[in-house]
Amino acid sequence: MRLSLFAGTTTCAALLSALAISQALRAETPAAPVTASAAAGDPNPEFDALLARLSAKADQYLDYALGFTCEESIVRSKYDPERGSFRRRDREVYDYLFERSSKSGRLGEIRDIIEENGKPVRRSTRYLDLEVPPSYAWSQMFAKENRGRFNFRPAGRVLKGYRLLAQIDFVGGAAVPGKEDIFGWSGRASVDSGTLNLHMIEAEPSGQSARIEAERLKYQRAFEIMGVPLASRPKSRTLNVRFSFDNKGLTYPTETMLVKSVYVRSAEMGLEEKIVLRYRAYRFFVTGAEQNNVASEPAAPDPNFSDETAPEQIERFPGEAPDPNQPR
């Protein structure tokens, strides 16, 4: 009895000692850096200055957000993730623009469908739940009011296509990652070192890597019925946004690609769906005093008329049948 009591006392003393050592080590461990631009005690004035300039550029992007419309095409491609084979593809074409909410002041997308799988359709407004931020919304990532919602870190410079790009890693801190708000995404932004215009956004939902690893272990250890695990398979998404159209000192989105993958039997992520949004035929118009002198893109020529002959200048020989393509 005495031996058992002595052993229990020794064990308690050892546990208390280990707890004291753990608390001491935790107190000596320095806190993780929380600043957006540099670790504590190691300021980076050059990077802070760059973020300030990018904030001013974001204000310029915001001024022009309501000053354009364009054509948007959305191509959805489905794949068999187990076999890696193509299944089907759907394509829709929209007239696309931004509008500002009178209640919240936030920018929203307006889409009027004009074509579906190569066939014209009756124009109507459609609201799509793509679960990705509007492509142009990324221009506000460096805005002053969003500084506390991201953690920024310099990632060096790289030369791409005769263009020197400054790369910045970012981590969004939204409570629900991977939705319509840019704050729920993390990745890397590339901006032109000279103009500070956006060039490329590469992102994924914040915390996705850790989530996939936890879901993978859960899926592998899940109870099976008839060889089918009861746990859901891990899924991932990656997003790439290109800003390649230049107009009046700003770049505009030209392509957004969302890739969806799912965990397959071969213990890897298989391609499940790819959604590609392309923007073309930009038109610009004046929306306020700050956007004066914004030139509109020339309208596409009418294919029924040559450049040299306008409709008013067409001459016909006597008795010649009228061309059905020409207006009367």
C-alpha atoms as a PDB file:
ATOM      1  CA  MET A   1       0.000   0.000   0.000  1.00  0.00           C
ATOM      2  CA  ARG A   2       2.824   2.383   0.892  1.00  0.00           C
ATOM      3  CA  LEU A   3       4.627   1.549  -2.369  1.00  0.00           C
ATOM      4  CA  SER A   4       1.493   2.310  -4.413  1.00  0.00           C
ATOM      5  CA  LEU A   5       0.997   5.628  -2.600  1.00  0.00           C
ATOM      6  CA  PHE A   6       4.639   6.574  -3.130  1.00  0.00           C
ATOM      7  CA  ALA A   7       4.431   5.761  -6.847  1.00  0.00           C
ATOM      8  CA  GLY A   8       1.274   7.876  -7.231  1.00  0.00           C
ATOM      9  CA  THR A   9       2.932  10.798  -5.430  1.00  0.00           C
ATOM     10  CA  THR A  10       6.014  10.534  -7.666  1.00  0.00           C
ATOM     11  CA  THR A  11       3.863  10.499 -10.820  1.00  0.00           C
ATOM     12  CA  CYS A  12       1.959  13.616  -9.744  1.00  0.00           C
ATOM     13  CA  ALA A  13       5.203  15.415  -8.961  1.00  0.00           C
ATOM     14  CA  ALA A  14       6.589  14.521 -12.387  1.00  0.00           C
ATOM     15  CA  LEU A  15       3.454  15.787 -14.139  1.00  0.00           C
ATOM     16  CA  LEU A  16       3.547  19.065 -12.233  1.00  0.00           C
ATOM     17  CA  SER A  17       7.220  19.508 -13.098  1.00  0.00           C
ATOM     18  CA  ALA A  18       6.587  18.856 -16.809  1.00  0.00           C
ATOM     19  CA  LEU A  19       3.702  21.352 -16.788  1.00  0.00           C
ATOM     20  CA  ALA A  20       5.898  24.019 -15.205  1.00  0.00           C
ATOM     21  CA  ILE A  21       8.639  23.479 -17.801  1.00  0.00           C
ATOM     22  CA  SER A  22       6.084  23.660 -20.642  1.00  0.00           C
ATOM     23  CA  GLN A  23       4.692  26.969 -19.350  1.00  0.00           C
ATOM     24  CA  ALA A  24       8.203  28.398 -19.013  1.00  0.00           C
ATOM     25  CA  LEU A  25       9.107  27.452 -22.572  1.00  0.00           C
ATOM     26  CA  ARG A  26       5.843  28.892 -23.869  1.00  0.00           C
ATOM     27  CA  ALA A  27       6.518  32.173 -22.105  1.00  0.00           C
ATOM     28  CA  GLU A  28       9.970  32.391 -23.687  1.00  0.00           C
ATOM     29  CA  THR A  29       8.710  31.656 -27.223  1.00  0.00           C
ATOM     30  CA  PRO A  30       8.355  34.912 -29.213  1.00  0.00           C
ATOM     31  CA  ALA A  31       4.928  35.754 -30.608  1.00  0.00           C
ATOM     32  CA  ALA A  32       4.295  35.196 -34.302  1.00  0.00           C
ATOM     33  CA  PRO A  33       4.424  38.326 -36.457  1.00  0.00           C
ATOM     34  CA  VAL A  34       1.055  39.941 -37.040  1.00  0.00           C
ATOM     35  CA  THR A  35       1.991  42.926 -39.146  1.00  0.00           C
ATOM     36  CA  ALA A  36       1.004  42.956 -42.793  1.00  0.00           C
ATOM     37  CA  SER A  37       4.340  43.939 -44.238  1.00  0.00           C
ATOM     38  CA  ALA A  38       7.116  42.652 -42.013  1.00  0.00           C
ATOM     39  CA  ALA A  39       7.902  40.604 -38.922  1.00  0.00           C
ATOM     40  CA  ALA A  40       8.109  42.331 -35.569  1.00  0.00           C
ATOM     41  CA  GLY A  41      11.470  43.967 -35.050  1.00  0.00           C
ATOM     42  CA  ASP A  42      12.327  43.748 -38.738  1.00  0.00           C
ATOM     43  CA  PRO A  43      10.482  46.601 -40.490  1.00  0.00           C
ATOM     44  CA  ASN A  44      10.510  46.894 -44.256  1.00  0.00           C
ATOM     45  CA  PRO A  45      10.015  50.565 -45.207  1.00  0.00           C
ATOM     46  CA  GLU A  46      10.375  49.828 -48.926  1.00  0.00           C
ATOM     47  CA  PHE A  47       7.562  47.280 -48.857  1.00  0.00           C
ATOM     48  CA  ASP A  48       5.380  49.573 -46.730  1.00  0.00           C
ATOM     49  CA  ALA A  49       5.865  52.307 -49.325  1.00  0.00           C
ATOM     50  CA  LEU A  50       4.889  49.871 -52.073  1.00  0.00           C
ATOM     51  CA  LEU A  51       1.676  48.961 -50.238  1.00  0.00           C
ATOM     52  CA  ALA A  52       0.856  52.663 -49.879  1.00  0.00           C
ATOM     53  CA  ARG A  53       1.291  53.184 -53.634  1.00  0.00           C
ATOM     54  CA  LEU A  54      -0.831  50.111 -54.358  1.00  0.00           C
ATOM     55  CA  SER A  55      -3.532  51.556 -52.115  1.00  0.00           C
ATOM     56  CA  ALA A  56      -3.622  54.694 -54.266  1.00  0.00           C
ATOM     57  CA  LYS A  57      -3.800  52.527 -57.393  1.00  0.00           C
ATOM     58  CA  ALA A  58      -6.757  50.645 -55.873  1.00  0.00           C
ATOM     59  CA  ASP A  59      -8.579  53.971 -55.499  1.00  0.00           C
ATOM     60  CA  GLN A  60      -7.989  54.625 -59.183  1.00  0.00           C
ATOM     61  CA  TYR A  61      -9.381  51.199 -60.083  1.00  0.00           C
ATOM     62  CA  LEU A  62     -12.458  51.927 -57.961  1.00  0.00           C
ATOM     63  CA  ASP A  63     -13.085  55.205 -59.809  1.00  0.00           C
ATOM     64  CA  TYR A  64     -13.258  53.321 -63.101  1.00  0.00           C
ATOM     65  CA  ALA A  65     -15.212  50.279 -61.874  1.00  0.00           C
ATOM     66  CA  LEU A  66     -18.517  51.637 -63.193  1.00  0.00           C
ATOM     67  CA  GLY A  67     -17.035  53.001 -66.403  1.00  0.00           C
ATOM     68  CA  PHE A  68     -17.029  49.946 -68.639  1.00  0.00           C
ATOM     69  CA  THR A  69     -19.035  47.091 -70.048  1.00  0.00           C
ATOM     70  CA  CYS A  70     -17.818  44.050 -71.952  1.00  0.00           C
ATOM     71  CA  GLU A  71     -18.716  40.639 -73.301  1.00  0.00           C
ATOM     72  CA  GLU A  72     -18.201  37.705 -70.933  1.00  0.00           C
ATOM     73  CA  SER A  73     -18.107  34.080 -72.033  1.00  0.00           C
ATOM     74  CA  ILE A  74     -18.328  31.255 -69.494  1.00  0.00           C
ATOM     75  CA  VAL A  75     -17.159  27.782 -70.506  1.00  0.00           C
ATOM     76  CA  ARG A  76     -17.850  24.920 -68.086  1.00  0.00           C
ATOM     77  CA  SER A  77     -15.992  21.675 -68.790  1.00  0.00           C
ATOM     78  CA  LYS A  78     -16.785  18.489 -66.855  1.00  0.00           C
ATOM     79  CA  TYR A  79     -14.310  15.619 -66.403  1.00  0.00           C
ATOM     80  CA  ASP A  80     -14.272  12.117 -64.957  1.00  0.00           C
ATOM     81  CA  PRO A  81     -11.835  12.532 -62.049  1.00  0.00           C
ATOM     82  CA  GLU A  82     -11.115   8.802 -61.760  1.00  0.00           C
ATOM     83  CA  ARG A  83     -10.272   8.285 -65.438  1.00  0.00           C
ATOM     84  CA  GLY A  84      -9.115  11.799 -66.235  1.00  0.00           C
ATOM     85  CA  SER A  85     -11.351  11.867 -69.322  1.00  0.00           C
ATOM     86  CA  PHE A  86     -13.473  14.700 -70.712  1.00  0.00           C
ATOM     87  CA  ARG A  87     -17.266  14.465 -70.318  1.00  0.00           C
ATOM     88  CA  ARG A  88     -19.041  17.539 -71.684  1.00  0.00           C
ATOM     89  CA  ARG A  89     -18.774  21.280 -72.164  1.00  0.00           C
ATOM     90  CA  ASP A  90     -21.290  24.146 -71.967  1.00  0.00           C
ATOM     91  CA  ARG A  91     -20.739  27.725 -73.121  1.00  0.00           C
ATOM     92  CA  GLU A  92     -22.707  30.875 -72.339  1.00  0.00           C
ATOM     93  CA  VAL A  93     -22.144  34.455 -73.474  1.00  0.00           C
ATOM     94  CA  TYR A  94     -23.259  37.502 -71.479  1.00  0.00           C
ATOM     95  CA  ASP A  95     -23.275  41.266 -71.669  1.00  0.00           C
ATOM     96  CA  TYR A  96     -21.430  42.142 -68.474  1.00  0.00           C
ATOM     97  CA  LEU A  97     -21.076  45.225 -66.294  1.00  0.00           C
ATOM     98  CA  PHE A  98     -20.736  46.404 -62.708  1.00  0.00           C
ATOM     99  CA  GLU A  99     -23.216  48.358 -60.619  1.00  0.00           C
ATOM    100  CA  ARG A 100     -22.959  49.788 -57.118  1.00  0.00           C
ATOM    101  CA  SER A 101     -25.561  48.812 -54.533  1.00  0.00           C
ATOM    102  CA  SER A 102     -27.515  51.819 -53.254  1.00  0.00           C
ATOM    103  CA  LYS A 103     -27.791  50.157 -49.821  1.00  0.00           C
ATOM    104  CA  SER A 104     -24.379  48.616 -49.128  1.00  0.00           C
ATOM    105  CA  GLY A 105     -22.259  50.555 -51.623  1.00  0.00           C
ATOM    106  CA  ARG A 106     -20.625  47.298 -52.769  1.00  0.00           C
ATOM    107  CA  LEU A 107     -19.931  46.497 -56.383  1.00  0.00           C
ATOM    108  CA  GLY A 108     -22.031  43.782 -57.978  1.00  0.00           C
ATOM    109  CA  GLU A 109     -22.064  41.955 -61.309  1.00  0.00           C
ATOM    110  CA  ILE A 110     -24.874  42.278 -63.840  1.00  0.00           C
ATOM    111  CA  ARG A 111     -25.112  39.591 -66.518  1.00  0.00           C
ATOM    112  CA  ASP A 112     -27.539  39.566 -69.448  1.00  0.00           C
ATOM    113  CA  ILE A 113     -27.330  36.312 -71.362  1.00  0.00           C
ATOM    114  CA  ILE A 114     -27.265  36.621 -75.160  1.00  0.00           C
ATOM    115  CA  GLU A 115     -26.014  33.219 -76.329  1.00  0.00           C
ATOM    116  CA  GLU A 116     -26.060  29.628 -75.090  1.00  0.00           C
ATOM    117  CA  ASN A 117     -24.010  26.817 -76.658  1.00  0.00           C
ATOM    118  CA  GLY A 118     -23.619  28.759 -79.883  1.00  0.00           C
ATOM    119  CA  LYS A 119     -27.306  29.699 -80.260  1.00  0.00           C
ATOM    120  CA  PRO A 120     -28.773  33.178 -79.646  1.00  0.00           C
ATOM    121  CA  VAL A 121     -31.267  33.291 -76.776  1.00  0.00           C
ATOM    122  CA  ARG A 122     -33.744  35.841 -75.517  1.00  0.00           C
ATOM    123  CA  ARG A 123     -31.921  38.451 -73.460  1.00  0.00           C
ATOM    124  CA  SER A 124     -32.513  38.113 -69.743  1.00  0.00           C
ATOM    125  CA  THR A 125     -30.626  38.883 -66.558  1.00  0.00           C
ATOM    126  CA  ARG A 126     -29.120  35.894 -64.801  1.00  0.00           C
ATOM    127  CA  TYR A 127     -27.557  35.628 -61.360  1.00  0.00           C
ATOM    128  CA  LEU A 128     -24.821  33.002 -61.183  1.00  0.00           C
ATOM    129  CA  ASP A 129     -23.434  31.472 -57.996  1.00  0.00           C
ATOM    130  CA  LEU A 130     -19.891  30.688 -59.106  1.00  0.00           C
ATOM    131  CA  GLU A 131     -18.514  30.984 -55.544  1.00  0.00           C
ATOM    132  CA  VAL A 132     -15.593  33.090 -56.755  1.00  0.00           C
ATOM    133  CA  PRO A 133     -15.033  36.828 -56.416  1.00  0.00           C
ATOM    134  CA  PRO A 134     -15.850  39.051 -59.400  1.00  0.00           C
ATOM    135  CA  SER A 135     -12.708  39.297 -61.486  1.00  0.00           C
ATOM    136  CA  TYR A 136     -12.505  43.090 -61.215  1.00  0.00           C
ATOM    137  CA  ALA A 137     -12.977  42.914 -57.416  1.00  0.00           C
ATOM    138  CA  TRP A 138      -9.342  41.839 -57.053  1.00  0.00           C
ATOM    139  CA  SER A 139      -8.364  45.395 -57.926  1.00  0.00           C
ATOM    140  CA  GLN A 140      -9.477  46.348 -54.388  1.00  0.00           C
ATOM    141  CA  MET A 141      -7.222  43.895 -52.574  1.00  0.00           C
ATOM    142  CA  PHE A 142      -4.705  46.614 -51.646  1.00  0.00           C
ATOM    143  CA  ALA A 143      -7.319  49.267 -50.798  1.00  0.00           C
ATOM    144  CA  LYS A 144      -6.730  51.049 -47.507  1.00  0.00           C
ATOM    145  CA  GLU A 145      -9.986  49.818 -45.976  1.00  0.00           C
ATOM    146  CA  ASN A 146      -8.990  46.200 -46.734  1.00  0.00           C
ATOM    147  CA  ARG A 147      -5.503  46.367 -45.242  1.00  0.00           C
ATOM    148  CA  GLY A 148      -6.585  44.700 -41.996  1.00  0.00           C
ATOM    149  CA  ARG A 149      -8.267  41.833 -43.830  1.00  0.00           C
ATOM    150  CA  PHE A 150      -5.093  40.562 -45.476  1.00  0.00           C
ATOM    151  CA  ASN A 151      -1.610  39.659 -44.371  1.00  0.00           C
ATOM    152  CA  PHE A 152       0.858  40.733 -47.076  1.00  0.00           C
ATOM    153  CA  ARG A 153       4.427  39.576 -47.557  1.00  0.00           C
ATOM    154  CA  PRO A 154       6.923  40.431 -50.324  1.00  0.00           C
ATOM    155  CA  ALA A 155       7.749  37.511 -52.633  1.00  0.00           C
ATOM    156  CA  GLY A 156      10.430  39.069 -54.835  1.00  0.00           C
ATOM    157  CA  ARG A 157      10.421  40.125 -58.476  1.00  0.00           C
ATOM    158  CA  VAL A 158      10.218  38.116 -61.679  1.00  0.00           C
ATOM    159  CA  LEU A 159      10.506  38.907 -65.388  1.00  0.00           C
ATOM    160  CA  LYS A 160       7.588  37.613 -67.485  1.00  0.00           C
ATOM    161  CA  GLY A 161       7.014  38.534 -71.095  1.00  0.00           C
ATOM    162  CA  TYR A 162       9.462  41.469 -71.038  1.00  0.00           C
ATOM    163  CA  ARG A 163       7.608  42.804 -67.984  1.00  0.00           C
ATOM    164  CA  LEU A 164       9.158  43.122 -64.523  1.00  0.00           C
ATOM    165  CA  LEU A 165       6.609  42.035 -61.945  1.00  0.00           C
ATOM    166  CA  ALA A 166       6.578  42.554 -58.201  1.00  0.00           C
ATOM    167  CA  GLN A 167       5.095  39.526 -56.460  1.00  0.00           C
ATOM    168  CA  ILE A 168       3.234  39.751 -53.173  1.00  0.00           C
ATOM    169  CA  ASP A 169       1.963  36.818 -51.127  1.00  0.00           C
ATOM    170  CA  PHE A 170      -1.331  37.397 -49.354  1.00  0.00           C
ATOM    171  CA  VAL A 171      -3.444  35.545 -46.794  1.00  0.00           C
ATOM    172  CA  GLY A 172      -7.109  36.437 -46.412  1.00  0.00           C
ATOM    173  CA  GLY A 173      -8.781  36.210 -43.031  1.00  0.00           C
ATOM    174  CA  ALA A 174     -12.479  35.758 -43.822  1.00  0.00           C
ATOM    175  CA  ALA A 175     -14.488  33.584 -41.438  1.00  0.00           C
ATOM    176  CA  VAL A 176     -15.885  31.572 -44.370  1.00  0.00           C
ATOM    177  CA  PRO A 177     -13.115  31.047 -46.950  1.00  0.00           C
ATOM    178  CA  GLY A 178     -13.476  30.454 -50.657  1.00  0.00           C
ATOM    179  CA  LYS A 179     -16.644  32.452 -51.365  1.00  0.00           C
ATOM    180  CA  GLU A 180     -17.498  35.646 -53.308  1.00  0.00           C
ATOM    181  CA  ASP A 181     -15.356  37.903 -51.103  1.00  0.00           C
ATOM    182  CA  ILE A 182     -11.681  38.263 -51.949  1.00  0.00           C
ATOM    183  CA  PHE A 183     -10.914  38.178 -48.205  1.00  0.00           C
ATOM    184  CA  GLY A 184     -11.527  34.419 -48.116  1.00  0.00           C
ATOM    185  CA  TRP A 185      -8.675  33.610 -50.502  1.00  0.00           C
ATOM    186  CA  SER A 186      -4.912  33.306 -50.162  1.00  0.00           C
ATOM    187  CA  GLY A 187      -2.156  33.164 -52.743  1.00  0.00           C
ATOM    188  CA  ARG A 188       0.095  35.453 -54.770  1.00  0.00           C
ATOM    189  CA  ALA A 189      -0.523  38.724 -56.612  1.00  0.00           C
ATOM    190  CA  SER A 190       1.733  39.933 -59.436  1.00  0.00           C
ATOM    191  CA  VAL A 191       1.769  43.640 -60.266  1.00  0.00           C
ATOM    192  CA  ASP A 192       3.731  45.626 -62.840  1.00  0.00           C
ATOM    193  CA  SER A 193       6.739  47.154 -61.075  1.00  0.00           C
ATOM    194  CA  GLY A 194       6.458  50.368 -63.082  1.00  0.00           C
ATOM    195  CA  THR A 195       2.730  51.092 -63.349  1.00  0.00           C
ATOM    196  CA  LEU A 196       1.593  48.977 -60.350  1.00  0.00           C
ATOM    197  CA  ASN A 197      -1.223  47.629 -62.506  1.00  0.00           C
ATOM    198  CA  LEU A 198      -2.486  44.154 -61.694  1.00  0.00           C
ATOM    199  CA  HIS A 199      -1.116  41.386 -63.905  1.00  0.00           C
ATOM    200  CA  MET A 200      -2.018  38.068 -62.283  1.00  0.00           C
ATOM    201  CA  ILE A 201      -3.814  36.663 -59.236  1.00  0.00           C
ATOM    202  CA  GLU A 202      -3.120  33.063 -58.198  1.00  0.00           C
ATOM    203  CA  ALA A 203      -5.253  31.981 -55.249  1.00  0.00           C
ATOM    204  CA  GLU A 204      -7.007  29.222 -53.369  1.00  0.00           C
ATOM    205  CA  PRO A 205      -9.442  29.270 -50.420  1.00  0.00           C
ATOM    206  CA  SER A 206      -7.615  30.259 -47.235  1.00  0.00           C
ATOM    207  CA  GLY A 207      -6.472  27.235 -45.234  1.00  0.00           C
ATOM    208  CA  GLN A 208      -7.274  24.802 -48.036  1.00  0.00           C
ATOM    209  CA  SER A 209      -4.057  22.751 -47.767  1.00  0.00           C
ATOM    210  CA  ALA A 210      -4.548  22.016 -44.068  1.00  0.00           C
ATOM    211  CA  ARG A 211      -8.246  21.271 -44.586  1.00  0.00           C
ATOM    212  CA  ILE A 212      -7.567  18.807 -47.423  1.00  0.00           C
ATOM    213  CA  GLU A 213      -4.966  16.940 -45.367  1.00  0.00           C
ATOM    214  CA  ALA A 214      -7.390  16.588 -42.430  1.00  0.00           C
ATOM    215  CA  GLU A 215     -10.238  15.489 -44.720  1.00  0.00           C
ATOM    216  CA  ARG A 216      -7.952  13.010 -46.484  1.00  0.00           C
ATOM    217  CA  LEU A 217      -7.058  11.277 -43.215  1.00  0.00           C
ATOM    218  CA  LYS A 218     -10.711  11.233 -42.188  1.00  0.00           C
ATOM    219  CA  TYR A 219     -11.704   9.753 -45.550  1.00  0.00           C
ATOM    220  CA  GLN A 220      -9.042   7.040 -45.427  1.00  0.00           C
ATOM    221  CA  ARG A 221     -10.041   5.993 -41.900  1.00  0.00           C
ATOM    222  CA  ALA A 222     -13.803   6.233 -42.432  1.00  0.00           C
ATOM    223  CA  PHE A 223     -16.051   3.205 -41.981  1.00  0.00           C
ATOM    224  CA  GLU A 224     -17.041   1.615 -45.311  1.00  0.00           C
ATOM    225  CA  ILE A 225     -20.279   0.039 -46.493  1.00  0.00           C
ATOM    226  CA  MET A 226     -19.928  -2.175 -49.571  1.00  0.00           C
ATOM    227  CA  GLY A 227     -16.487  -0.655 -50.163  1.00  0.00           C
ATOM    228  CA  VAL A 228     -17.767   2.939 -50.111  1.00  0.00           C
ATOM    229  CA  PRO A 229     -16.417   5.209 -47.323  1.00  0.00           C
ATOM    230  CA  LEU A 230     -19.069   7.098 -45.381  1.00  0.00           C
ATOM    231  CA  ALA A 231     -16.916  10.249 -45.243  1.00  0.00           C
ATOM    232  CA  SER A 232     -17.034  12.693 -48.143  1.00  0.00           C
ATOM    233  CA  ARG A 233     -14.034  12.952 -50.448  1.00  0.00           C
ATOM    234  CA  PRO A 234     -11.779  16.019 -50.069  1.00  0.00           C
ATOM    235  CA  LYS A 235     -12.204  18.693 -52.739  1.00  0.00           C
ATOM    236  CA  SER A 236      -9.966  21.573 -53.759  1.00  0.00           C
ATOM    237  CA  ARG A 237     -10.242  24.728 -55.876  1.00  0.00           C
ATOM    238  CA  THR A 238      -7.601  26.920 -57.467  1.00  0.00           C
ATOM    239  CA  LEU A 239      -8.200  30.304 -59.084  1.00  0.00           C
ATOM    240  CA  ASN A 240      -6.177  32.264 -61.648  1.00  0.00           C
ATOM    241  CA  VAL A 241      -7.141  35.761 -62.824  1.00  0.00           C
ATOM    242  CA  ARG A 242      -5.308  37.518 -65.656  1.00  0.00           C
ATOM    243  CA  PHE A 243      -5.356  41.283 -66.200  1.00  0.00           C
ATOM    244  CA  SER A 244      -4.085  41.648 -69.777  1.00  0.00           C
ATOM    245  CA  PHE A 245      -6.167  44.407 -71.377  1.00  0.00           C
ATOM    246  CA  ASP A 246      -4.676  47.909 -71.085  1.00  0.00           C
ATOM    247  CA  ASN A 247      -6.723  51.078 -71.331  1.00  0.00           C
ATOM    248  CA  LYS A 248      -5.904  54.599 -70.144  1.00  0.00           C
ATOM    249  CA  GLY A 249      -3.317  53.564 -67.574  1.00  0.00           C
ATOM    250  CA  LEU A 250      -5.179  50.569 -66.078  1.00  0.00           C
ATOM    251  CA  THR A 251      -5.359  46.851 -66.803  1.00  0.00           C
ATOM    252  CA  TYR A 252      -8.627  44.942 -66.987  1.00  0.00           C
ATOM    253  CA  PRO A 253      -9.463  41.237 -66.547  1.00  0.00           C
ATOM    254  CA  THR A 254      -9.246  39.071 -69.643  1.00  0.00           C
ATOM    255  CA  GLU A 255      -9.489  35.549 -68.203  1.00  0.00           C
ATOM    256  CA  THR A 256     -10.443  33.862 -64.946  1.00  0.00           C
ATOM    257  CA  MET A 257      -9.941  30.113 -64.534  1.00  0.00           C
ATOM    258  CA  LEU A 258     -11.405  28.079 -61.680  1.00  0.00           C
ATOM    259  CA  VAL A 259     -10.195  24.469 -61.406  1.00  0.00           C
ATOM    260  CA  LYS A 260     -12.062  22.013 -59.165  1.00  0.00           C
ATOM    261  CA  SER A 261     -10.443  18.737 -58.124  1.00  0.00           C
ATOM    262  CA  VAL A 262     -11.515  15.810 -55.934  1.00  0.00           C
ATOM    263  CA  TYR A 263      -9.669  13.032 -54.106  1.00  0.00           C
ATOM    264  CA  VAL A 264      -9.643   9.778 -56.111  1.00  0.00           C
ATOM    265  CA  ARG A 265      -8.740   6.126 -55.457  1.00  0.00           C
ATOM    266  CA  SER A 266      -5.155   6.605 -56.600  1.00  0.00           C
ATOM    267  CA  ALA A 267      -4.613   8.816 -53.514  1.00  0.00           C
ATOM    268  CA  GLU A 268      -4.291  12.024 -55.533  1.00  0.00           C
ATOM    269  CA  MET A 269      -6.492  14.917 -56.629  1.00  0.00           C
ATOM    270  CA  GLY A 270      -8.293  14.314 -59.933  1.00  0.00           C
ATOM    271  CA  LEU A 271      -9.687  17.059 -62.192  1.00  0.00           C
ATOM    272  CA  GLU A 272     -13.476  17.300 -61.809  1.00  0.00           C
ATOM    273  CA  GLU A 273     -14.475  20.608 -63.429  1.00  0.00           C
ATOM    274  CA  LYS A 274     -12.889  23.604 -65.094  1.00  0.00           C
ATOM    275  CA  ILE A 275     -14.690  26.950 -65.441  1.00  0.00           C
ATOM    276  CA  VAL A 276     -13.134  29.584 -67.692  1.00  0.00           C
ATOM    277  CA  LEU A 277     -14.473  33.159 -67.819  1.00  0.00           C
ATOM    278  CA  ARG A 278     -13.161  35.329 -70.667  1.00  0.00           C
ATOM    279  CA  TYR A 279     -13.716  39.060 -71.153  1.00  0.00           C
ATOM    280  CA  ARG A 280     -13.524  40.847 -74.503  1.00  0.00           C
ATOM    281  CA  ALA A 281     -15.050  43.708 -76.520  1.00  0.00           C
ATOM    282  CA  TYR A 282     -14.582  46.247 -73.737  1.00  0.00           C
ATOM    283  CA  ARG A 283     -16.571  49.486 -74.058  1.00  0.00           C
ATOM    284  CA  PHE A 284     -15.786  52.520 -71.929  1.00  0.00           C
ATOM    285  CA  PHE A 285     -18.018  55.464 -71.076  1.00  0.00           C
ATOM    286  CA  VAL A 286     -17.965  58.535 -68.853  1.00  0.00           C
ATOM    287  CA  THR A 287     -19.397  58.048 -65.358  1.00  0.00           C
ATOM    288  CA  GLY A 288     -18.301  61.228 -63.591  1.00  0.00           C
ATOM    289  CA  ALA A 289     -15.999  64.214 -63.533  1.00  0.00           C
ATOM    290  CA  GLU A 290     -12.970  62.047 -62.738  1.00  0.00           C
ATOM    291  CA  GLN A 291     -13.505  59.974 -65.883  1.00  0.00           C
ATOM    292  CA  ASN A 292     -13.645  62.710 -68.468  1.00  0.00           C
ATOM    293  CA  ASN A 293     -11.827  62.058 -71.706  1.00  0.00           C
ATOM    294  CA  VAL A 294     -12.231  58.287 -71.368  1.00  0.00           C
ATOM    295  CA  ALA A 295     -12.158  57.082 -74.953  1.00  0.00           C
ATOM    296  CA  SER A 296     -14.533  54.391 -76.079  1.00  0.00           C
ATOM    297  CA  GLU A 297     -13.246  51.436 -78.030  1.00  0.00           C
ATOM    298  CA  PRO A 298     -14.268  51.706 -81.711  1.00  0.00           C
ATOM    299  CA  ALA A 299     -17.325  49.683 -82.571  1.00  0.00           C
ATOM    300  CA  ALA A 300     -16.779  46.538 -84.601  1.00  0.00           C
ATOM    301  CA  PRO A 301     -17.361  47.106 -88.349  1.00  0.00           C
ATOM    302  CA  ASP A 302     -20.568  45.838 -89.886  1.00  0.00           C
ATOM    303  CA  PRO A 303     -19.639  42.668 -91.820  1.00  0.00           C
ATOM    304  CA  ASN A 304     -22.232  43.564 -94.501  1.00  0.00           C
ATOM    305  CA  PHE A 305     -20.276  46.690 -95.485  1.00  0.00           C
ATOM    306  CA  SER A 306     -16.700  47.169 -96.546  1.00  0.00           C
ATOM    307  CA  ASP A 307     -14.507  49.830 -94.992  1.00  0.00           C
ATOM    308  CA  GLU A 308     -14.556  51.851 -98.174  1.00  0.00           C
ATOM    309  CA  THR A 309     -18.323  51.843 -98.759  1.00  0.00           C
ATOM    310  CA  ALA A 310     -20.795  53.235 -96.272  1.00  0.00           C
ATOM    311  CA  PRO A 311     -24.504  52.361 -96.522  1.00  0.00           C
ATOM    312  CA  GLU A 312     -25.355  55.801 -97.906  1.00  0.00           C
ATOM    313  CA  GLN A 313     -22.794  55.498-100.704  1.00  0.00           C
ATOM    314  CA  ILE A 314     -23.962  52.208-102.243  1.00  0.00           C
ATOM    315  CA  GLU A 315     -24.944  52.624-105.907  1.00  0.00           C
ATOM    316  CA  ARG A 316     -27.012  50.164-107.932  1.00  0.00           C
ATOM    317  CA  PHE A 317     -27.371  49.773-111.664  1.00  0.00           C
ATOM    318  CA  PRO A 318     -30.840  50.281-113.125  1.00  0.00           C
ATOM    319  CA  GLY A 319     -32.957  47.158-112.775  1.00  0.00           C
ATOM    320  CA  GLU A 320     -30.561  45.507-110.357  1.00  0.00           C
ATOM    321  CA  ALA A 321     -32.263  43.518-107.573  1.00  0.00           C
ATOM    322  CA  PRO A 322     -31.639  44.974-104.113  1.00  0.00           C
ATOM    323  CA  ASP A 323     -29.225  43.177-101.839  1.00  0.00           C
ATOM    324  CA  PRO A 324     -31.222  41.560 -98.986  1.00  0.00           C
ATOM    325  CA  ASN A 325     -28.350  42.276 -96.600  1.00  0.00           C
ATOM    326  CA  GLN A 326     -28.554  46.034 -97.162  1.00  0.00           C
ATOM    327  CA  PRO A 327     -31.141  48.265 -95.462  1.00  0.00           C
ATOM    328  CA  ARG A 328     -33.755  49.875 -97.673  1.00  0.00           C
END
